[in-house]
C-alpha cells in the first residue's frame, strides 16, 4: 500500500512541477494563466516538492510572498509529516 502512495506522490509532484512550467511559459507569452489559487492549492495538497522545484527551475513566482514563503513552509510541513508517518513505530 505504501508503495502506491509513494508512486502517487511522485506523479502528483511531477504534475505540479509541469503546471508551474506551463504557467511560466504562458506568462512569458502573455497568454491565459493558471490562477494563483490553483497553483497554491496544488502545492498544499501534497504537491509542495513539485511546486518548490518548479519555482526554482523556471524562476517562477519567486517574488510573490505567498509563494516565496508559503511553498517552503508547506514543503517543511509535508516533509515532517512524511518523517512522522515513516518513523512513528
PDB file of N, CA and C in Angstrom:
ATOM      1  N   UNK A   1       0.818  -1.205   0.000  1.00  0.00           N
ATOM      2  CA  UNK A   1       0.000   0.000   0.000  1.00  0.00           C
ATOM      3  C   UNK A   1       0.858   1.264   0.000  1.00  0.00           C
ATOM      4  N   UNK A   2       1.914   1.255   0.823  1.00  0.00           N
ATOM      5  CA  UNK A   2       2.775   2.431   0.914  1.00  0.00           C
ATOM      6  C   UNK A   2       3.477   2.686  -0.415  1.00  0.00           C
ATOM      7  N   UNK A   3       3.777   1.609  -1.142  1.00  0.00           N
ATOM      8  CA  UNK A   3       4.437   1.746  -2.445  1.00  0.00           C
ATOM      9  C   UNK A   3       3.562   2.558  -3.396  1.00  0.00           C
ATOM     10  N   UNK A   4       2.266   2.306  -3.389  1.00  0.00           N
ATOM     11  CA  UNK A   4       1.352   3.035  -4.269  1.00  0.00           C
ATOM     12  C   UNK A   4       1.210   4.493  -3.847  1.00  0.00           C
ATOM     13  N   UNK A   5       1.271   4.749  -2.565  1.00  0.00           N
ATOM     14  CA  UNK A   5       1.211   6.128  -2.076  1.00  0.00           C
ATOM     15  C   UNK A   5       2.447   6.908  -2.531  1.00  0.00           C
ATOM     16  N   UNK A   6       3.602   6.276  -2.457  1.00  0.00           N
ATOM     17  CA  UNK A   6       4.840   6.928  -2.889  1.00  0.00           C
ATOM     18  C   UNK A   6       4.796   7.209  -4.386  1.00  0.00           C
ATOM     19  N   UNK A   7       4.324   6.233  -5.162  1.00  0.00           N
ATOM     20  CA  UNK A   7       4.197   6.435  -6.615  1.00  0.00           C
ATOM     21  C   UNK A   7       3.241   7.580  -6.909  1.00  0.00           C
ATOM     22  N   UNK A   8       2.101   7.618  -6.205  1.00  0.00           N
ATOM     23  CA  UNK A   8       1.108   8.685  -6.404  1.00  0.00           C
ATOM     24  C   UNK A   8       1.703  10.054  -6.068  1.00  0.00           C
ATOM     25  N   UNK A   9       2.482  10.130  -4.991  1.00  0.00           N
ATOM     26  CA  UNK A   9       3.103  11.404  -4.604  1.00  0.00           C
ATOM     27  C   UNK A   9       4.106  11.865  -5.653  1.00  0.00           C
ATOM     28  N   UNK A  10       4.906  10.940  -6.186  1.00  0.00           N
ATOM     29  CA  UNK A  10       5.851  11.304  -7.240  1.00  0.00           C
ATOM     30  C   UNK A  10       5.120  11.799  -8.484  1.00  0.00           C
ATOM     31  N   UNK A  11       4.065  11.097  -8.858  1.00  0.00           N
ATOM     32  CA  UNK A  11       3.293  11.512 -10.036  1.00  0.00           C
ATOM     33  C   UNK A  11       2.649  12.880  -9.816  1.00  0.00           C
ATOM     34  N   UNK A  12       2.030  13.071  -8.657  1.00  0.00           N
ATOM     35  CA  UNK A  12       1.364  14.337  -8.363  1.00  0.00           C
ATOM     36  C   UNK A  12       2.370  15.494  -8.356  1.00  0.00           C
ATOM     37  N   UNK A  13       3.523  15.290  -7.722  1.00  0.00           N
ATOM     38  CA  UNK A  13       4.522  16.351  -7.685  1.00  0.00           C
ATOM     39  C   UNK A  13       5.084  16.630  -9.073  1.00  0.00           C
ATOM     40  N   UNK A  14       5.155  15.617  -9.921  1.00  0.00           N
ATOM     41  CA  UNK A  14       5.554  15.828 -11.310  1.00  0.00           C
ATOM     42  C   UNK A  14       4.545  16.681 -12.053  1.00  0.00           C
ATOM     43  N   UNK A  15       3.268  16.416 -11.813  1.00  0.00           N
ATOM     44  CA  UNK A  15       2.199  17.208 -12.437  1.00  0.00           C
ATOM     45  C   UNK A  15       2.269  18.659 -11.972  1.00  0.00           C
ATOM     46  N   UNK A  16       2.459  18.864 -10.679  1.00  0.00           N
ATOM     47  CA  UNK A  16       2.548  20.225 -10.132  1.00  0.00           C
ATOM     48  C   UNK A  16       3.760  20.944 -10.725  1.00  0.00           C
ATOM     49  N   UNK A  17       4.892  20.270 -10.824  1.00  0.00           N
ATOM     50  CA  UNK A  17       6.089  20.841 -11.441  1.00  0.00           C
ATOM     51  C   UNK A  17       5.784  21.298 -12.863  1.00  0.00           C
ATOM     52  N   UNK A  18       5.111  20.451 -13.632  1.00  0.00           N
ATOM     53  CA  UNK A  18       4.747  20.784 -15.016  1.00  0.00           C
ATOM     54  C   UNK A  18       3.788  21.969 -15.053  1.00  0.00           C
ATOM     55  N   UNK A  19       2.860  22.040 -14.086  1.00  0.00           N
ATOM     56  CA  UNK A  19       1.926  23.173 -14.032  1.00  0.00           C
ATOM     57  C   UNK A  19       2.685  24.490 -13.885  1.00  0.00           C
ATOM     58  N   UNK A  20       3.707  24.511 -13.035  1.00  0.00           N
ATOM     59  CA  UNK A  20       4.498  25.726 -12.844  1.00  0.00           C
ATOM     60  C   UNK A  20       5.244  26.088 -14.120  1.00  0.00           C
ATOM     61  N   UNK A  21       5.746  25.082 -14.824  1.00  0.00           N
ATOM     62  CA  UNK A  21       6.425  25.334 -16.094  1.00  0.00           C
ATOM     63  C   UNK A  21       5.485  25.884 -17.150  1.00  0.00           C
ATOM     64  N   UNK A  22       4.297  25.306 -17.235  1.00  0.00           N
ATOM     65  CA  UNK A  22       3.292  25.783 -18.197  1.00  0.00           C
ATOM     66  C   UNK A  22       2.900  27.225 -17.873  1.00  0.00           C
ATOM     67  N   UNK A  23       2.675  27.502 -16.591  1.00  0.00           N
ATOM     68  CA  UNK A  23       2.269  28.856 -16.215  1.00  0.00           C
ATOM     69  C   UNK A  23       3.369  29.860 -16.525  1.00  0.00           C
ATOM     70  N   UNK A  24       4.621  29.496 -16.309  1.00  0.00           N
ATOM     71  CA  UNK A  24       5.734  30.403 -16.627  1.00  0.00           C
ATOM     72  C   UNK A  24       5.796  30.663 -18.135  1.00  0.00           C
ATOM     73  N   UNK A  25       5.645  29.620 -18.926  1.00  0.00           N
ATOM     74  CA  UNK A  25       5.684  29.775 -20.380  1.00  0.00           C
ATOM     75  C   UNK A  25       4.551  30.683 -20.850  1.00  0.00           C
ATOM     76  N   UNK A  26       3.376  30.499 -20.266  1.00  0.00           N
ATOM     77  CA  UNK A  26       2.235  31.346 -20.630  1.00  0.00           C
ATOM     78  C   UNK A  26       2.441  32.780 -20.170  1.00  0.00           C
ATOM     79  N   UNK A  27       3.092  32.970 -19.045  1.00  0.00           N
ATOM     80  CA  UNK A  27       3.360  34.330 -18.555  1.00  0.00           C
ATOM     81  C   UNK A  27       4.285  35.067 -19.515  1.00  0.00           C
ATOM     82  N   UNK A  28       5.300  34.384 -19.977  1.00  0.00           N
ATOM     83  CA  UNK A  28       6.252  34.996 -20.912  1.00  0.00           C
ATOM     84  C   UNK A  28       5.565  35.371 -22.216  1.00  0.00           C
ATOM     85  N   UNK A  29       4.618  34.533 -22.665  1.00  0.00           N
ATOM     86  CA  UNK A  29       3.919  34.778 -23.929  1.00  0.00           C
ATOM     87  C   UNK A  29       2.665  35.637 -23.760  1.00  0.00           C
ATOM     88  N   UNK A  30       2.429  36.112 -22.530  1.00  0.00           N
ATOM     89  CA  UNK A  30       1.268  36.963 -22.244  1.00  0.00           C
ATOM     90  C   UNK A  30      -0.052  36.278 -22.596  1.00  0.00           C
ATOM     91  N   UNK A  31      -0.173  35.008 -22.236  1.00  0.00           N
ATOM     92  CA  UNK A  31      -1.377  34.234 -22.528  1.00  0.00           C
ATOM     93  C   UNK A  31      -2.129  33.927 -21.242  1.00  0.00           C
ATOM     94  N   UNK A  32      -3.253  33.208 -21.379  1.00  0.00           N
ATOM     95  CA  UNK A  32      -4.062  32.827 -20.230  1.00  0.00           C
ATOM     96  C   UNK A  32      -3.210  32.051 -19.243  1.00  0.00           C
ATOM     97  N   UNK A  33      -3.381  32.343 -17.958  1.00  0.00           N
ATOM     98  CA  UNK A  33      -2.539  31.770 -16.900  1.00  0.00           C
ATOM     99  C   UNK A  33      -3.330  30.849 -16.007  1.00  0.00           C
ATOM    100  N   UNK A  34      -2.615  29.992 -15.320  1.00  0.00           N
ATOM    101  CA  UNK A  34      -3.208  29.156 -14.275  1.00  0.00           C
ATOM    102  C   UNK A  34      -3.385  30.063 -13.061  1.00  0.00           C
ATOM    103  N   UNK A  35      -4.581  30.131 -12.498  1.00  0.00           N
ATOM    104  CA  UNK A  35      -4.792  31.018 -11.339  1.00  0.00           C
ATOM    105  C   UNK A  35      -3.853  30.673 -10.174  1.00  0.00           C
ATOM    106  N   UNK A  36      -3.413  31.710  -9.469  1.00  0.00           N
ATOM    107  CA  UNK A  36      -2.501  31.509  -8.340  1.00  0.00           C
ATOM    108  C   UNK A  36      -3.097  30.600  -7.281  1.00  0.00           C
ATOM    109  N   UNK A  37      -4.391  30.717  -7.053  1.00  0.00           N
ATOM    110  CA  UNK A  37      -5.011  29.859  -6.038  1.00  0.00           C
ATOM    111  C   UNK A  37      -4.911  28.387  -6.418  1.00  0.00           C
ATOM    112  N   UNK A  38      -4.970  28.074  -7.695  1.00  0.00           N
ATOM    113  CA  UNK A  38      -4.824  26.689  -8.148  1.00  0.00           C
ATOM    114  C   UNK A  38      -3.390  26.219  -7.919  1.00  0.00           C
ATOM    115  N   UNK A  39      -2.427  27.073  -8.229  1.00  0.00           N
ATOM    116  CA  UNK A  39      -1.025  26.722  -8.006  1.00  0.00           C
ATOM    117  C   UNK A  39      -0.752  26.501  -6.514  1.00  0.00           C
ATOM    118  N   UNK A  40      -1.284  27.365  -5.671  1.00  0.00           N
ATOM    119  CA  UNK A  40      -1.074  27.218  -4.226  1.00  0.00           C
ATOM    120  C   UNK A  40      -1.789  25.980  -3.674  1.00  0.00           C
ATOM    121  N   UNK A  41      -3.026  25.754  -4.102  1.00  0.00           N
ATOM    122  CA  UNK A  41      -3.754  24.574  -3.625  1.00  0.00           C
ATOM    123  C   UNK A  41      -3.097  23.278  -4.085  1.00  0.00           C
ATOM    124  N   UNK A  42      -2.570  23.269  -5.303  1.00  0.00           N
ATOM    125  CA  UNK A  42      -1.892  22.062  -5.782  1.00  0.00           C
ATOM    126  C   UNK A  42      -0.662  21.774  -4.920  1.00  0.00           C
ATOM    127  N   UNK A  43       0.015  22.808  -4.475  1.00  0.00           N
ATOM    128  CA  UNK A  43       1.161  22.633  -3.578  1.00  0.00           C
ATOM    129  C   UNK A  43       0.700  22.173  -2.200  1.00  0.00           C
ATOM    130  N   UNK A  44      -0.346  22.781  -1.695  1.00  0.00           N
ATOM    131  CA  UNK A  44      -0.863  22.441  -0.369  1.00  0.00           C
ATOM    132  C   UNK A  44      -1.319  20.983  -0.304  1.00  0.00           C
ATOM    133  N   UNK A  45      -1.892  20.500  -1.377  1.00  0.00           N
ATOM    134  CA  UNK A  45      -2.398  19.121  -1.419  1.00  0.00           C
ATOM    135  C   UNK A  45      -1.271  18.144  -1.752  1.00  0.00           C
ATOM    136  N   UNK A  46      -0.206  18.226  -0.968  1.00  0.00           N
ATOM    137  CA  UNK A  46       0.968  17.348  -1.019  1.00  0.00           C
ATOM    138  C   UNK A  46       1.778  17.471  -2.303  1.00  0.00           C
ATOM    139  N   UNK A  47       1.702  18.625  -2.962  1.00  0.00           N
ATOM    140  CA  UNK A  47       2.498  18.870  -4.155  1.00  0.00           C
ATOM    141  C   UNK A  47       3.565  19.924  -3.942  1.00  0.00           C
ATOM    142  N   UNK A  48       3.941  20.140  -2.697  1.00  0.00           N
ATOM    143  CA  UNK A  48       4.889  21.227  -2.389  1.00  0.00           C
ATOM    144  C   UNK A  48       6.284  20.971  -2.954  1.00  0.00           C
ATOM    145  N   UNK A  49       6.710  19.728  -3.047  1.00  0.00           N
ATOM    146  CA  UNK A  49       8.041  19.445  -3.609  1.00  0.00           C
ATOM    147  C   UNK A  49       8.069  19.813  -5.091  1.00  0.00           C
ATOM    148  N   UNK A  50       7.019  19.462  -5.818  1.00  0.00           N
ATOM    149  CA  UNK A  50       6.933  19.820  -7.231  1.00  0.00           C
ATOM    150  C   UNK A  50       6.832  21.320  -7.427  1.00  0.00           C
ATOM    151  N   UNK A  51       6.075  21.980  -6.550  1.00  0.00           N
ATOM    152  CA  UNK A  51       5.929  23.436  -6.632  1.00  0.00           C
ATOM    153  C   UNK A  51       7.268  24.122  -6.355  1.00  0.00           C
ATOM    154  N   UNK A  52       7.959  23.669  -5.319  1.00  0.00           N
ATOM    155  CA  UNK A  52       9.256  24.260  -4.978  1.00  0.00           C
ATOM    156  C   UNK A  52      10.253  24.060  -6.117  1.00  0.00           C
ATOM    157  N   UNK A  53      10.289  22.855  -6.657  1.00  0.00           N
ATOM    158  CA  UNK A  53      11.194  22.576  -7.779  1.00  0.00           C
ATOM    159  C   UNK A  53      10.825  23.433  -8.990  1.00  0.00           C
ATOM    160  N   UNK A  54       9.529  23.582  -9.259  1.00  0.00           N
ATOM    161  CA  UNK A  54       9.078  24.411 -10.378  1.00  0.00           C
ATOM    162  C   UNK A  54       9.460  25.867 -10.205  1.00  0.00           C
ATOM    163  N   UNK A  55       9.352  26.361  -8.981  1.00  0.00           N
ATOM    164  CA  UNK A  55       9.746  27.735  -8.711  1.00  0.00           C
ATOM    165  C   UNK A  55      11.236  27.926  -8.966  1.00  0.00           C
ATOM    166  N   UNK A  56      12.034  26.981  -8.550  1.00  0.00           N
ATOM    167  CA  UNK A  56      13.487  27.085  -8.705  1.00  0.00           C
ATOM    168  C   UNK A  56      13.924  26.911 -10.156  1.00  0.00           C
ATOM    169  N   UNK A  57      13.412  25.904 -10.817  1.00  0.00           N
ATOM    170  CA  UNK A  57      13.837  25.598 -12.184  1.00  0.00           C
ATOM    171  C   UNK A  57      13.367  26.662 -13.170  1.00  0.00           C
ATOM    172  N   UNK A  58      12.103  27.069 -13.045  1.00  0.00           N
ATOM    173  CA  UNK A  58      11.523  28.013 -14.006  1.00  0.00           C
ATOM    174  C   UNK A  58      11.621  29.465 -13.547  1.00  0.00           C
ATOM    175  N   UNK A  59      12.176  29.701 -12.348  1.00  0.00           N
ATOM    176  CA  UNK A  59      12.259  31.051 -11.768  1.00  0.00           C
ATOM    177  C   UNK A  59      10.888  31.724 -11.834  1.00  0.00           C
ATOM    178  N   UNK A  60       9.912  31.001 -11.302  1.00  0.00           N
ATOM    179  CA  UNK A  60       8.523  31.435 -11.409  1.00  0.00           C
ATOM    180  C   UNK A  60       7.916  31.655 -10.032  1.00  0.00           C
ATOM    181  N   UNK A  61       7.231  32.753  -9.862  1.00  0.00           N
ATOM    182  CA  UNK A  61       6.529  33.127  -8.636  1.00  0.00           C
ATOM    183  C   UNK A  61       7.487  33.347  -7.463  1.00  0.00           C
ATOM    184  N   UNK A  62       8.731  33.642  -7.741  1.00  0.00           N
ATOM    185  CA  UNK A  62       9.717  33.798  -6.673  1.00  0.00           C
ATOM    186  C   UNK A  62       9.648  35.150  -5.973  1.00  0.00           C
ATOM    187  N   UNK A  63       8.923  36.100  -6.543  1.00  0.00           N
ATOM    188  CA  UNK A  63       8.812  37.426  -5.922  1.00  0.00           C
ATOM    189  C   UNK A  63       7.498  37.605  -5.159  1.00  0.00           C
ATOM    190  N   UNK A  64       6.594  36.650  -5.274  1.00  0.00           N
ATOM    191  CA  UNK A  64       5.312  36.716  -4.572  1.00  0.00           C
ATOM    192  C   UNK A  64       5.484  36.088  -3.186  1.00  0.00           C
ATOM    193  N   UNK A  65       5.195  36.857  -2.145  1.00  0.00           N
ATOM    194  CA  UNK A  65       5.404  36.371  -0.777  1.00  0.00           C
ATOM    195  C   UNK A  65       4.632  35.106  -0.460  1.00  0.00           C
ATOM    196  N   UNK A  66       3.426  34.982  -0.979  1.00  0.00           N
ATOM    197  CA  UNK A  66       2.636  33.773  -0.716  1.00  0.00           C
ATOM    198  C   UNK A  66       3.362  32.538  -1.233  1.00  0.00           C
ATOM    199  N   UNK A  67       4.083  32.681  -2.317  1.00  0.00           N
ATOM    200  CA  UNK A  67       4.829  31.565  -2.883  1.00  0.00           C
ATOM    201  C   UNK A  67       6.224  31.480  -2.250  1.00  0.00           C
ATOM    202  N   UNK A  68       6.892  32.616  -2.122  1.00  0.00           N
ATOM    203  CA  UNK A  68       8.262  32.643  -1.630  1.00  0.00           C
ATOM    204  C   UNK A  68       8.386  32.077  -0.221  1.00  0.00           C
ATOM    205  N   UNK A  69       7.382  32.342   0.619  1.00  0.00           N
ATOM    206  CA  UNK A  69       7.422  31.835   1.989  1.00  0.00           C
ATOM    207  C   UNK A  69       6.471  30.662   2.193  1.00  0.00           C
ATOM    208  N   UNK A  70       5.355  30.668   1.483  1.00  0.00           N
ATOM    209  CA  UNK A  70       4.346  29.631   1.675  1.00  0.00           C
ATOM    210  C   UNK A  70       4.765  28.264   1.171  1.00  0.00           C
ATOM    211  N   UNK A  71       5.359  28.212  -0.003  1.00  0.00           N
ATOM    212  CA  UNK A  71       5.757  26.926  -0.574  1.00  0.00           C
ATOM    213  C   UNK A  71       6.836  26.250   0.274  1.00  0.00           C
ATOM    214  N   UNK A  72       7.912  26.947   0.671  1.00  0.00           N
ATOM    215  CA  UNK A  72       8.887  26.280   1.551  1.00  0.00           C
ATOM    216  C   UNK A  72       8.282  25.840   2.891  1.00  0.00           C
ATOM    217  N   UNK A  73       7.354  26.634   3.433  1.00  0.00           N
ATOM    218  CA  UNK A  73       6.698  26.250   4.686  1.00  0.00           C
ATOM    219  C   UNK A  73       5.871  24.984   4.488  1.00  0.00           C
ATOM    220  N   UNK A  74       5.137  24.911   3.383  1.00  0.00           N
ATOM    221  CA  UNK A  74       4.362  23.699   3.080  1.00  0.00           C
ATOM    222  C   UNK A  74       5.283  22.508   2.898  1.00  0.00           C
ATOM    223  N   UNK A  75       6.389  22.717   2.206  1.00  0.00           N
ATOM    224  CA  UNK A  75       7.346  21.637   1.974  1.00  0.00           C
ATOM    225  C   UNK A  75       7.892  21.120   3.299  1.00  0.00           C
ATOM    226  N   UNK A  76       8.254  22.018   4.199  1.00  0.00           N
ATOM    227  CA  UNK A  76       8.755  21.609   5.517  1.00  0.00           C
ATOM    228  C   UNK A  76       7.692  20.823   6.277  1.00  0.00           C
ATOM    229  N   UNK A  77       6.462  21.300   6.228  1.00  0.00           N
ATOM    230  CA  UNK A  77       5.356  20.601   6.893  1.00  0.00           C
ATOM    231  C   UNK A  77       5.140  19.219   6.284  1.00  0.00           C
ATOM    232  N   UNK A  78       5.174  19.129   4.964  1.00  0.00           N
ATOM    233  CA  UNK A  78       4.968  17.845   4.293  1.00  0.00           C
ATOM    234  C   UNK A  78       6.109  16.870   4.596  1.00  0.00           C
ATOM    235  N   UNK A  79       7.340  17.371   4.619  1.00  0.00           N
ATOM    236  CA  UNK A  79       8.474  16.514   4.954  1.00  0.00           C
ATOM    237  C   UNK A  79       8.381  16.025   6.397  1.00  0.00           C
ATOM    238  N   UNK A  80       7.956  16.891   7.295  1.00  0.00           N
ATOM    239  CA  UNK A  80       7.774  16.487   8.692  1.00  0.00           C
ATOM    240  C   UNK A  80       6.679  15.427   8.804  1.00  0.00           C
ATOM    241  N   UNK A  81       5.617  15.590   8.051  1.00  0.00           N
ATOM    242  CA  UNK A  81       4.525  14.608   8.054  1.00  0.00           C
ATOM    243  C   UNK A  81       5.001  13.258   7.544  1.00  0.00           C
ATOM    244  N   UNK A  82       5.762  13.265   6.447  1.00  0.00           N
ATOM    245  CA  UNK A  82       6.295  12.020   5.892  1.00  0.00           C
ATOM    246  C   UNK A  82       7.252  11.367   6.890  1.00  0.00           C
ATOM    247  N   UNK A  83       8.110  12.155   7.514  1.00  0.00           N
ATOM    248  CA  UNK A  83       9.041  11.615   8.509  1.00  0.00           C
ATOM    249  C   UNK A  83       8.282  11.011   9.683  1.00  0.00           C
ATOM    250  N   UNK A  84       7.265  11.706  10.156  1.00  0.00           N
ATOM    251  CA  UNK A  84       6.460  11.184  11.266  1.00  0.00           C
ATOM    252  C   UNK A  84       5.791   9.868  10.897  1.00  0.00           C
ATOM    253  N   UNK A  85       5.184   9.820   9.742  1.00  0.00           N
ATOM    254  CA  UNK A  85       4.491   8.597   9.320  1.00  0.00           C
ATOM    255  C   UNK A  85       5.463   7.451   9.064  1.00  0.00           C
ATOM    256  N   UNK A  86       6.665   7.786   8.634  1.00  0.00           N
ATOM    257  CA  UNK A  86       7.669   6.766   8.351  1.00  0.00           C
ATOM    258  C   UNK A  86       8.279   6.190   9.623  1.00  0.00           C
ATOM    259  N   UNK A  87       8.571   7.036  10.605  1.00  0.00           N
ATOM    260  CA  UNK A  87       9.328   6.612  11.776  1.00  0.00           C
ATOM    261  C   UNK A  87       8.510   6.538  13.061  1.00  0.00           C
ATOM    262  N   UNK A  88       7.213   6.502  12.984  1.00  0.00           N
ATOM    263  CA  UNK A  88       6.376   6.532  14.188  1.00  0.00           C
ATOM    264  C   UNK A  88       6.319   5.207  14.938  1.00  0.00           C
ATOM    265  N   UNK A  89       6.860   4.162  14.422  1.00  0.00           N
ATOM    266  CA  UNK A  89       6.785   2.831  15.082  1.00  0.00           C
ATOM    267  C   UNK A  89       7.313   2.893  16.456  1.00  0.00           C
TER     268      UNK A  89
END
